[in-house]
Amino acid sequence: FVTHMGYEVIEAHDNANYSRSILFGYPIPFWHNGLKINYTASDSLSTSLFVLNGWGNTYDNNTNKSLGLQILWNPSNFSTVFNVLHGDEEAEGVDDLNKTVYE
């Protein structure tokens, strides 16, 4: 599934902030493979929990899973979103790379 992270979205026709800046592809993955669980606590509060096989990987490259959380608070006249991803993910040439990104 497409990542929940970032101000811009993959689908350009749905993106009022279309720019494809360096921040679009550098710190966050474009997509995930894993489990996503949504919970709506009320009309104004919802959460999502993610258990992921890496960042942008179809197959996990180690035995660790990455975890993500999204909290959406939408009272009557504005909305606020908090996102976080954390995982011990390998990169080419680097072992034991502990990554965390939040926004």
PDB file of N, CA and C in Angstrom:
ATOM      1  N   PHE A   1       0.832  -1.185   0.000  1.00  0.00           N
ATOM      2  CA  PHE A   1       0.000   0.000   0.000  1.00  0.00           C
ATOM      3  C   PHE A   1       0.872   1.242   0.000  1.00  0.00           C
ATOM      4  N   VAL A   2       0.317   2.342  -0.447  1.00  0.00           N
ATOM      5  CA  VAL A   2       1.040   3.616  -0.528  1.00  0.00           C
ATOM      6  C   VAL A   2       1.282   4.146   0.887  1.00  0.00           C
ATOM      7  N   THR A   3       2.431   4.754   1.091  1.00  0.00           N
ATOM      8  CA  THR A   3       2.814   5.240   2.419  1.00  0.00           C
ATOM      9  C   THR A   3       1.829   6.278   2.972  1.00  0.00           C
ATOM     10  N   HIS A   4       1.719   6.301   4.275  1.00  0.00           N
ATOM     11  CA  HIS A   4       0.896   7.297   4.959  1.00  0.00           C
ATOM     12  C   HIS A   4       1.716   8.534   5.312  1.00  0.00           C
ATOM     13  N   MET A   5       3.013   8.481   5.068  1.00  0.00           N
ATOM     14  CA  MET A   5       3.918   9.570   5.421  1.00  0.00           C
ATOM     15  C   MET A   5       3.953  10.631   4.319  1.00  0.00           C
ATOM     16  N   GLY A   6       4.262  11.852   4.691  1.00  0.00           N
ATOM     17  CA  GLY A   6       4.527  12.898   3.722  1.00  0.00           C
ATOM     18  C   GLY A   6       3.366  13.832   3.462  1.00  0.00           C
ATOM     19  N   TYR A   7       3.730  15.050   3.069  1.00  0.00           N
ATOM     20  CA  TYR A   7       2.748  16.082   2.740  1.00  0.00           C
ATOM     21  C   TYR A   7       2.225  15.899   1.329  1.00  0.00           C
ATOM     22  N   GLU A   8       3.099  15.419   0.454  1.00  0.00           N
ATOM     23  CA  GLU A   8       2.697  15.137  -0.918  1.00  0.00           C
ATOM     24  C   GLU A   8       2.216  13.694  -1.007  1.00  0.00           C
ATOM     25  N   VAL A   9       1.440  13.399  -2.022  1.00  0.00           N
ATOM     26  CA  VAL A   9       0.941  12.049  -2.219  1.00  0.00           C
ATOM     27  C   VAL A   9       1.411  11.514  -3.561  1.00  0.00           C
ATOM     28  N   ILE A  10       1.401  10.190  -3.696  1.00  0.00           N
ATOM     29  CA  ILE A  10       1.847   9.537  -4.928  1.00  0.00           C
ATOM     30  C   ILE A  10       0.948   9.912  -6.100  1.00  0.00           C
ATOM     31  N   GLU A  11      -0.352   9.910  -5.889  1.00  0.00           N
ATOM     32  CA  GLU A  11      -1.309  10.176  -6.951  1.00  0.00           C
ATOM     33  C   GLU A  11      -1.317  11.667  -7.275  1.00  0.00           C
ATOM     34  N   ALA A  12      -0.610  12.064  -8.333  1.00  0.00           N
ATOM     35  CA  ALA A  12      -0.432  13.480  -8.660  1.00  0.00           C
ATOM     36  C   ALA A  12      -1.759  14.193  -8.923  1.00  0.00           C
ATOM     37  N   HIS A  13      -2.733  13.509  -9.517  1.00  0.00           N
ATOM     38  CA  HIS A  13      -4.015  14.165  -9.804  1.00  0.00           C
ATOM     39  C   HIS A  13      -4.800  14.486  -8.528  1.00  0.00           C
ATOM     40  N   ASP A  14      -4.462  13.837  -7.408  1.00  0.00           N
ATOM     41  CA  ASP A  14      -5.113  14.110  -6.125  1.00  0.00           C
ATOM     42  C   ASP A  14      -4.299  15.068  -5.255  1.00  0.00           C
ATOM     43  N   ASN A  15      -3.202  15.582  -5.776  1.00  0.00           N
ATOM     44  CA  ASN A  15      -2.236  16.313  -4.965  1.00  0.00           C
ATOM     45  C   ASN A  15      -2.240  17.802  -5.297  1.00  0.00           C
ATOM     46  N   ALA A  16      -2.811  18.609  -4.431  1.00  0.00           N
ATOM     47  CA  ALA A  16      -2.811  20.057  -4.628  1.00  0.00           C
ATOM     48  C   ALA A  16      -1.431  20.660  -4.402  1.00  0.00           C
ATOM     49  N   ASN A  17      -0.531  19.903  -3.769  1.00  0.00           N
ATOM     50  CA  ASN A  17       0.814  20.383  -3.455  1.00  0.00           C
ATOM     51  C   ASN A  17       1.868  19.703  -4.320  1.00  0.00           C
ATOM     52  N   TYR A  18       1.535  19.415  -5.550  1.00  0.00           N
ATOM     53  CA  TYR A  18       2.402  18.665  -6.447  1.00  0.00           C
ATOM     54  C   TYR A  18       3.696  19.419  -6.727  1.00  0.00           C
ATOM     55  N   SER A  19       4.821  18.871  -6.296  1.00  0.00           N
ATOM     56  CA  SER A  19       6.100  19.498  -6.593  1.00  0.00           C
ATOM     57  C   SER A  19       7.198  18.471  -6.819  1.00  0.00           C
ATOM     58  N   ARG A  20       7.121  17.330  -6.192  1.00  0.00           N
ATOM     59  CA  ARG A  20       8.154  16.303  -6.234  1.00  0.00           C
ATOM     60  C   ARG A  20       9.514  16.857  -5.805  1.00  0.00           C
ATOM     61  N   SER A  21       9.509  17.534  -4.688  1.00  0.00           N
ATOM     62  CA  SER A  21      10.731  18.086  -4.126  1.00  0.00           C
ATOM     63  C   SER A  21      11.634  16.954  -3.644  1.00  0.00           C
ATOM     64  N   ILE A  22      12.856  17.286  -3.263  1.00  0.00           N
ATOM     65  CA  ILE A  22      13.778  16.277  -2.751  1.00  0.00           C
ATOM     66  C   ILE A  22      13.240  15.655  -1.459  1.00  0.00           C
ATOM     67  N   LEU A  23      12.460  16.409  -0.706  1.00  0.00           N
ATOM     68  CA  LEU A  23      11.882  15.864   0.529  1.00  0.00           C
ATOM     69  C   LEU A  23      10.805  14.819   0.255  1.00  0.00           C
ATOM     70  N   PHE A  24      10.291  14.785  -0.967  1.00  0.00           N
ATOM     71  CA  PHE A  24       9.277  13.784  -1.293  1.00  0.00           C
ATOM     72  C   PHE A  24       9.871  12.385  -1.287  1.00  0.00           C
ATOM     73  N   GLY A  25      11.045  12.201  -1.840  1.00  0.00           N
ATOM     74  CA  GLY A  25      11.607  10.867  -1.964  1.00  0.00           C
ATOM     75  C   GLY A  25      12.769  10.540  -1.072  1.00  0.00           C
ATOM     76  N   TYR A  26      13.343  11.519  -0.411  1.00  0.00           N
ATOM     77  CA  TYR A  26      14.546  11.257   0.378  1.00  0.00           C
ATOM     78  C   TYR A  26      14.273  10.607   1.740  1.00  0.00           C
ATOM     79  N   PRO A  27      13.490  11.213   2.628  1.00  0.00           N
ATOM     80  CA  PRO A  27      13.402  10.652   3.976  1.00  0.00           C
ATOM     81  C   PRO A  27      12.320   9.586   4.157  1.00  0.00           C
ATOM     82  N   ILE A  28      11.370   9.494   3.241  1.00  0.00           N
ATOM     83  CA  ILE A  28      10.257   8.563   3.448  1.00  0.00           C
ATOM     84  C   ILE A  28      10.179   7.562   2.298  1.00  0.00           C
ATOM     85  N   PRO A  29       9.624   6.382   2.582  1.00  0.00           N
ATOM     86  CA  PRO A  29       9.413   5.403   1.512  1.00  0.00           C
ATOM     87  C   PRO A  29       8.170   5.777   0.700  1.00  0.00           C
ATOM     88  N   PHE A  30       8.068   5.235  -0.504  1.00  0.00           N
ATOM     89  CA  PHE A  30       6.891   5.474  -1.331  1.00  0.00           C
ATOM     90  C   PHE A  30       5.766   4.495  -1.008  1.00  0.00           C
ATOM     91  N   TRP A  31       6.114   3.281  -0.645  1.00  0.00           N
ATOM     92  CA  TRP A  31       5.105   2.250  -0.408  1.00  0.00           C
ATOM     93  C   TRP A  31       5.617   1.272   0.646  1.00  0.00           C
ATOM     94  N   HIS A  32       4.670   0.438   1.122  1.00  0.00           N
ATOM     95  CA  HIS A  32       4.970  -0.536   2.178  1.00  0.00           C
ATOM     96  C   HIS A  32       4.340  -1.884   1.844  1.00  0.00           C
ATOM     97  N   ASN A  33       4.898  -2.909   2.452  1.00  0.00           N
ATOM     98  CA  ASN A  33       4.321  -4.240   2.405  1.00  0.00           C
ATOM     99  C   ASN A  33       4.193  -4.690   3.858  1.00  0.00           C
ATOM    100  N   GLY A  34       2.984  -4.962   4.298  1.00  0.00           N
ATOM    101  CA  GLY A  34       2.784  -5.344   5.680  1.00  0.00           C
ATOM    102  C   GLY A  34       1.330  -5.284   6.074  1.00  0.00           C
ATOM    103  N   LEU A  35       1.100  -5.035   7.335  1.00  0.00           N
ATOM    104  CA  LEU A  35      -0.230  -5.029   7.928  1.00  0.00           C
ATOM    105  C   LEU A  35      -0.595  -3.619   8.369  1.00  0.00           C
ATOM    106  N   LYS A  36      -1.811  -3.209   8.055  1.00  0.00           N
ATOM    107  CA  LYS A  36      -2.322  -1.900   8.455  1.00  0.00           C
ATOM    108  C   LYS A  36      -3.651  -2.117   9.182  1.00  0.00           C
ATOM    109  N   ILE A  37      -3.755  -1.575  10.383  1.00  0.00           N
ATOM    110  CA  ILE A  37      -4.971  -1.707  11.193  1.00  0.00           C
ATOM    111  C   ILE A  37      -5.492  -0.312  11.493  1.00  0.00           C
ATOM    112  N   ASN A  38      -6.734  -0.045  11.128  1.00  0.00           N
ATOM    113  CA  ASN A  38      -7.372   1.248  11.386  1.00  0.00           C
ATOM    114  C   ASN A  38      -8.359   1.122  12.532  1.00  0.00           C
ATOM    115  N   TYR A  39      -8.439   2.171  13.347  1.00  0.00           N
ATOM    116  CA  TYR A  39      -9.429   2.229  14.427  1.00  0.00           C
ATOM    117  C   TYR A  39      -9.989   3.644  14.502  1.00  0.00           C
ATOM    118  N   THR A  40     -11.293   3.774  14.420  1.00  0.00           N
ATOM    119  CA  THR A  40     -11.964   5.061  14.544  1.00  0.00           C
ATOM    120  C   THR A  40     -12.541   5.159  15.946  1.00  0.00           C
ATOM    121  N   ALA A  41     -11.962   6.029  16.765  1.00  0.00           N
ATOM    122  CA  ALA A  41     -12.404   6.191  18.146  1.00  0.00           C
ATOM    123  C   ALA A  41     -13.669   7.036  18.238  1.00  0.00           C
ATOM    124  N   SER A  42     -13.772   8.051  17.353  1.00  0.00           N
ATOM    125  CA  SER A  42     -14.941   8.926  17.334  1.00  0.00           C
ATOM    126  C   SER A  42     -15.000   9.592  15.962  1.00  0.00           C
ATOM    127  N   ASP A  43     -15.972  10.471  15.775  1.00  0.00           N
ATOM    128  CA  ASP A  43     -16.068  11.189  14.508  1.00  0.00           C
ATOM    129  C   ASP A  43     -14.867  12.091  14.259  1.00  0.00           C
ATOM    130  N   SER A  44     -14.173  12.488  15.319  1.00  0.00           N
ATOM    131  CA  SER A  44     -13.051  13.417  15.164  1.00  0.00           C
ATOM    132  C   SER A  44     -11.677  12.804  15.441  1.00  0.00           C
ATOM    133  N   LEU A  45     -11.604  11.527  15.830  1.00  0.00           N
ATOM    134  CA  LEU A  45     -10.325  10.917  16.171  1.00  0.00           C
ATOM    135  C   LEU A  45     -10.233   9.514  15.591  1.00  0.00           C
ATOM    136  N   SER A  46      -9.160   9.278  14.841  1.00  0.00           N
ATOM    137  CA  SER A  46      -8.910   7.934  14.318  1.00  0.00           C
ATOM    138  C   SER A  46      -7.416   7.643  14.367  1.00  0.00           C
ATOM    139  N   THR A  47      -7.073   6.361  14.412  1.00  0.00           N
ATOM    140  CA  THR A  47      -5.686   5.939  14.474  1.00  0.00           C
ATOM    141  C   THR A  47      -5.453   4.789  13.499  1.00  0.00           C
ATOM    142  N   SER A  48      -4.208   4.629  13.119  1.00  0.00           N
ATOM    143  CA  SER A  48      -3.788   3.485  12.304  1.00  0.00           C
ATOM    144  C   SER A  48      -2.471   2.975  12.858  1.00  0.00           C
ATOM    145  N   LEU A  49      -2.323   1.655  12.900  1.00  0.00           N
ATOM    146  CA  LEU A  49      -1.097   0.997  13.332  1.00  0.00           C
ATOM    147  C   LEU A  49      -0.572   0.198  12.152  1.00  0.00           C
ATOM    148  N   PHE A  50       0.747   0.247  11.936  1.00  0.00           N
ATOM    149  CA  PHE A  50       1.375  -0.424  10.809  1.00  0.00           C
ATOM    150  C   PHE A  50       2.467  -1.362  11.314  1.00  0.00           C
ATOM    151  N   VAL A  51       2.488  -2.599  10.818  1.00  0.00           N
ATOM    152  CA  VAL A  51       3.576  -3.550  11.033  1.00  0.00           C
ATOM    153  C   VAL A  51       4.096  -3.872   9.641  1.00  0.00           C
ATOM    154  N   LEU A  52       5.347  -3.481   9.357  1.00  0.00           N
ATOM    155  CA  LEU A  52       5.830  -3.438   7.983  1.00  0.00           C
ATOM    156  C   LEU A  52       7.060  -4.304   7.752  1.00  0.00           C
ATOM    157  N   ASN A  53       7.149  -4.830   6.534  1.00  0.00           N
ATOM    158  CA  ASN A  53       8.331  -5.560   6.075  1.00  0.00           C
ATOM    159  C   ASN A  53       9.287  -4.574   5.421  1.00  0.00           C
ATOM    160  N   GLY A  54       9.925  -3.763   6.193  1.00  0.00           N
ATOM    161  CA  GLY A  54      10.891  -2.821   5.652  1.00  0.00           C
ATOM    162  C   GLY A  54      10.240  -1.581   5.080  1.00  0.00           C
ATOM    163  N   TRP A  55      11.060  -0.759   4.458  1.00  0.00           N
ATOM    164  CA  TRP A  55      10.620   0.506   3.860  1.00  0.00           C
ATOM    165  C   TRP A  55      10.845   0.419   2.367  1.00  0.00           C
ATOM    166  N   GLY A  56       9.800   0.241   1.605  1.00  0.00           N
ATOM    167  CA  GLY A  56       9.919   0.136   0.151  1.00  0.00           C
ATOM    168  C   GLY A  56      10.392  -1.225  -0.314  1.00  0.00           C
ATOM    169  N   ASN A  57      10.278  -2.247   0.527  1.00  0.00           N
ATOM    170  CA  ASN A  57      10.685  -3.602   0.166  1.00  0.00           C
ATOM    171  C   ASN A  57       9.460  -4.475  -0.050  1.00  0.00           C
ATOM    172  N   THR A  58       9.505  -5.321  -1.068  1.00  0.00           N
ATOM    173  CA  THR A  58       8.461  -6.329  -1.221  1.00  0.00           C
ATOM    174  C   THR A  58       8.703  -7.455  -0.229  1.00  0.00           C
ATOM    175  N   TYR A  59       9.961  -7.854  -0.109  1.00  0.00           N
ATOM    176  CA  TYR A  59      10.346  -8.905   0.829  1.00  0.00           C
ATOM    177  C   TYR A  59      11.243  -8.299   1.891  1.00  0.00           C
ATOM    178  N   ASP A  60      11.050  -8.737   3.109  1.00  0.00           N
ATOM    179  CA  ASP A  60      11.838  -8.199   4.212  1.00  0.00           C
ATOM    180  C   ASP A  60      13.300  -8.590   4.046  1.00  0.00           C
ATOM    181  N   ASN A  61      14.207  -7.657   4.284  1.00  0.00           N
ATOM    182  CA  ASN A  61      15.633  -7.920   4.125  1.00  0.00           C
ATOM    183  C   ASN A  61      16.319  -8.268   5.445  1.00  0.00           C
ATOM    184  N   ASN A  62      15.534  -8.438   6.506  1.00  0.00           N
ATOM    185  CA  ASN A  62      16.066  -8.883   7.789  1.00  0.00           C
ATOM    186  C   ASN A  62      14.913  -9.494   8.589  1.00  0.00           C
ATOM    187  N   THR A  63      15.181  -9.890   9.819  1.00  0.00           N
ATOM    188  CA  THR A  63      14.140 -10.525  10.636  1.00  0.00           C
ATOM    189  C   THR A  63      13.323  -9.526  11.436  1.00  0.00           C
ATOM    190  N   ASN A  64      13.681  -8.254  11.380  1.00  0.00           N
ATOM    191  CA  ASN A  64      12.982  -7.233  12.151  1.00  0.00           C
ATOM    192  C   ASN A  64      11.825  -6.644  11.357  1.00  0.00           C
ATOM    193  N   LYS A  65      10.824  -6.178  12.045  1.00  0.00           N
ATOM    194  CA  LYS A  65       9.697  -5.477  11.444  1.00  0.00           C
ATOM    195  C   LYS A  65       9.782  -3.999  11.801  1.00  0.00           C
ATOM    196  N   SER A  66       9.283  -3.170  10.920  1.00  0.00           N
ATOM    197  CA  SER A  66       9.158  -1.747  11.214  1.00  0.00           C
ATOM    198  C   SER A  66       7.758  -1.482  11.730  1.00  0.00           C
ATOM    199  N   LEU A  67       7.629  -0.486  12.578  1.00  0.00           N
ATOM    200  CA  LEU A  67       6.328  -0.121  13.140  1.00  0.00           C
ATOM    201  C   LEU A  67       5.989   1.311  12.751  1.00  0.00           C
ATOM    202  N   GLY A  68       4.731   1.550  12.497  1.00  0.00           N
ATOM    203  CA  GLY A  68       4.260   2.885  12.174  1.00  0.00           C
ATOM    204  C   GLY A  68       2.989   3.202  12.937  1.00  0.00           C
ATOM    205  N   LEU A  69       2.748   4.472  13.122  1.00  0.00           N
ATOM    206  CA  LEU A  69       1.551   4.940  13.811  1.00  0.00           C
ATOM    207  C   LEU A  69       1.077   6.216  13.133  1.00  0.00           C
ATOM    208  N   GLN A  70      -0.222   6.331  12.984  1.00  0.00           N
ATOM    209  CA  GLN A  70      -0.829   7.564  12.481  1.00  0.00           C
ATOM    210  C   GLN A  70      -1.993   7.917  13.395  1.00  0.00           C
ATOM    211  N   ILE A  71      -2.033   9.175  13.818  1.00  0.00           N
ATOM    212  CA  ILE A  71      -3.144   9.686  14.627  1.00  0.00           C
ATOM    213  C   ILE A  71      -3.736  10.866  13.883  1.00  0.00           C
ATOM    214  N   LEU A  72      -5.010  10.803  13.618  1.00  0.00           N
ATOM    215  CA  LEU A  72      -5.717  11.868  12.899  1.00  0.00           C
ATOM    216  C   LEU A  72      -6.761  12.461  13.828  1.00  0.00           C
ATOM    217  N   TRP A  73      -6.633  13.760  14.091  1.00  0.00           N
ATOM    218  CA  TRP A  73      -7.598  14.483  14.923  1.00  0.00           C
ATOM    219  C   TRP A  73      -8.252  15.521  14.039  1.00  0.00           C
ATOM    220  N   ASN A  74      -9.557  15.443  13.924  1.00  0.00           N
ATOM    221  CA  ASN A  74     -10.301  16.286  13.000  1.00  0.00           C
ATOM    222  C   ASN A  74     -11.506  16.901  13.711  1.00  0.00           C
ATOM    223  N   PRO A  75     -11.275  17.942  14.533  1.00  0.00           N
ATOM    224  CA  PRO A  75     -12.419  18.626  15.124  1.00  0.00           C
ATOM    225  C   PRO A  75     -13.174  19.408  14.047  1.00  0.00           C
ATOM    226  N   SER A  76     -14.063  20.230  14.419  1.00  0.00           N
ATOM    227  CA  SER A  76     -15.010  20.828  13.473  1.00  0.00           C
ATOM    228  C   SER A  76     -14.396  21.665  12.358  1.00  0.00           C
ATOM    229  N   ASN A  77     -13.316  22.414  12.588  1.00  0.00           N
ATOM    230  CA  ASN A  77     -12.877  23.349  11.558  1.00  0.00           C
ATOM    231  C   ASN A  77     -11.429  23.185  11.090  1.00  0.00           C
ATOM    232  N   PHE A  78     -10.688  22.169  11.551  1.00  0.00           N
ATOM    233  CA  PHE A  78      -9.331  21.908  11.067  1.00  0.00           C
ATOM    234  C   PHE A  78      -8.988  20.450  11.334  1.00  0.00           C
ATOM    235  N   SER A  79      -7.875  20.001  10.792  1.00  0.00           N
ATOM    236  CA  SER A  79      -7.425  18.638  11.080  1.00  0.00           C
ATOM    237  C   SER A  79      -5.927  18.634  11.334  1.00  0.00           C
ATOM    238  N   THR A  80      -5.493  17.705  12.166  1.00  0.00           N
ATOM    239  CA  THR A  80      -4.095  17.535  12.515  1.00  0.00           C
ATOM    240  C   THR A  80      -3.754  16.059  12.400  1.00  0.00           C
ATOM    241  N   VAL A  81      -2.603  15.786  11.781  1.00  0.00           N
ATOM    242  CA  VAL A  81      -2.157  14.405  11.608  1.00  0.00           C
ATOM    243  C   VAL A  81      -0.756  14.273  12.176  1.00  0.00           C
ATOM    244  N   PHE A  82      -0.523  13.205  12.939  1.00  0.00           N
ATOM    245  CA  PHE A  82       0.812  12.859  13.429  1.00  0.00           C
ATOM    246  C   PHE A  82       1.168  11.495  12.868  1.00  0.00           C
ATOM    247  N   ASN A  83       2.327  11.386  12.213  1.00  0.00           N
ATOM    248  CA  ASN A  83       2.809  10.138  11.632  1.00  0.00           C
ATOM    249  C   ASN A  83       4.178   9.806  12.183  1.00  0.00           C
ATOM    250  N   VAL A  84       4.446   8.530  12.372  1.00  0.00           N
ATOM    251  CA  VAL A  84       5.773   8.079  12.766  1.00  0.00           C
ATOM    252  C   VAL A  84       6.036   6.698  12.169  1.00  0.00           C
ATOM    253  N   LEU A  85       7.286   6.475  11.756  1.00  0.00           N
ATOM    254  CA  LEU A  85       7.778   5.160  11.321  1.00  0.00           C
ATOM    255  C   LEU A  85       9.075   4.891  12.060  1.00  0.00           C
ATOM    256  N   HIS A  86       9.254   3.651  12.517  1.00  0.00           N
ATOM    257  CA  HIS A  86      10.489   3.280  13.192  1.00  0.00           C
ATOM    258  C   HIS A  86      10.815   1.835  12.850  1.00  0.00           C
ATOM    259  N   GLY A  87      12.089   1.584  12.574  1.00  0.00           N
ATOM    260  CA  GLY A  87      12.485   0.213  12.312  1.00  0.00           C
ATOM    261  C   GLY A  87      13.982   0.056  12.219  1.00  0.00           C
ATOM    262  N   ASP A  88      14.424  -1.148  12.469  1.00  0.00           N
ATOM    263  CA  ASP A  88      15.825  -1.521  12.322  1.00  0.00           C
ATOM    264  C   ASP A  88      15.954  -2.138  10.937  1.00  0.00           C
ATOM    265  N   GLU A  89      16.238  -1.313   9.951  1.00  0.00           N
ATOM    266  CA  GLU A  89      16.234  -1.751   8.556  1.00  0.00           C
ATOM    267  C   GLU A  89      17.625  -1.668   7.949  1.00  0.00           C
ATOM    268  N   GLU A  90      17.949  -2.674   7.150  1.00  0.00           N
ATOM    269  CA  GLU A  90      19.237  -2.714   6.470  1.00  0.00           C
ATOM    270  C   GLU A  90      19.190  -1.875   5.202  1.00  0.00           C
ATOM    271  N   ALA A  91      20.307  -1.335   4.845  1.00  0.00           N
ATOM    272  CA  ALA A  91      20.487  -0.662   3.570  1.00  0.00           C
ATOM    273  C   ALA A  91      21.706  -1.283   2.906  1.00  0.00           C
ATOM    274  N   GLU A  92      21.823  -1.125   1.605  1.00  0.00           N
ATOM    275  CA  GLU A  92      22.944  -1.726   0.893  1.00  0.00           C
ATOM    276  C   GLU A  92      24.261  -1.211   1.448  1.00  0.00           C
ATOM    277  N   GLY A  93      25.107  -2.122   1.918  1.00  0.00           N
ATOM    278  CA  GLY A  93      26.403  -1.752   2.461  1.00  0.00           C
ATOM    279  C   GLY A  93      26.379  -1.314   3.910  1.00  0.00           C
ATOM    280  N   VAL A  94      25.197  -1.241   4.525  1.00  0.00           N
ATOM    281  CA  VAL A  94      25.087  -0.809   5.923  1.00  0.00           C
ATOM    282  C   VAL A  94      24.260  -1.834   6.678  1.00  0.00           C
ATOM    283  N   ASP A  95      24.814  -2.381   7.746  1.00  0.00           N
ATOM    284  CA  ASP A  95      24.080  -3.317   8.586  1.00  0.00           C
ATOM    285  C   ASP A  95      23.545  -2.592   9.813  1.00  0.00           C
ATOM    286  N   ASP A  96      22.454  -3.100  10.341  1.00  0.00           N
ATOM    287  CA  ASP A  96      21.892  -2.592  11.587  1.00  0.00           C
ATOM    288  C   ASP A  96      21.627  -1.089  11.533  1.00  0.00           C
ATOM    289  N   LEU A  97      20.838  -0.685  10.561  1.00  0.00           N
ATOM    290  CA  LEU A  97      20.504   0.726  10.386  1.00  0.00           C
ATOM    291  C   LEU A  97      19.175   1.011  11.086  1.00  0.00           C
ATOM    292  N   ASN A  98      19.213   1.732  12.176  1.00  0.00           N
ATOM    293  CA  ASN A  98      18.040   2.072  12.956  1.00  0.00           C
ATOM    294  C   ASN A  98      17.451   3.377  12.394  1.00  0.00           C
ATOM    295  N   LYS A  99      16.240   3.307  11.824  1.00  0.00           N
ATOM    296  CA  LYS A  99      15.647   4.474  11.169  1.00  0.00           C
ATOM    297  C   LYS A  99      14.378   4.902  11.894  1.00  0.00           C
ATOM    298  N   THR A 100      14.207   6.209  12.078  1.00  0.00           N
ATOM    299  CA  THR A 100      12.988   6.765  12.619  1.00  0.00           C
ATOM    300  C   THR A 100      12.680   8.052  11.865  1.00  0.00           C
ATOM    301  N   VAL A 101      11.437   8.197  11.458  1.00  0.00           N
ATOM    302  CA  VAL A 101      10.991   9.449  10.840  1.00  0.00           C
ATOM    303  C   VAL A 101       9.604   9.756  11.395  1.00  0.00           C
ATOM    304  N   TYR A 102       9.373  11.023  11.698  1.00  0.00           N
ATOM    305  CA  TYR A 102       8.057  11.432  12.196  1.00  0.00           C
ATOM    306  C   TYR A 102       7.734  12.802  11.618  1.00  0.00           C
ATOM    307  N   GLU A 103       6.455  13.072  11.556  1.00  0.00           N
ATOM    308  CA  GLU A 103       5.983  14.365  11.047  1.00  0.00           C
ATOM    309  C   GLU A 103       4.662  14.690  11.673  1.00  0.00           C
TER     310      GLU A 103
END
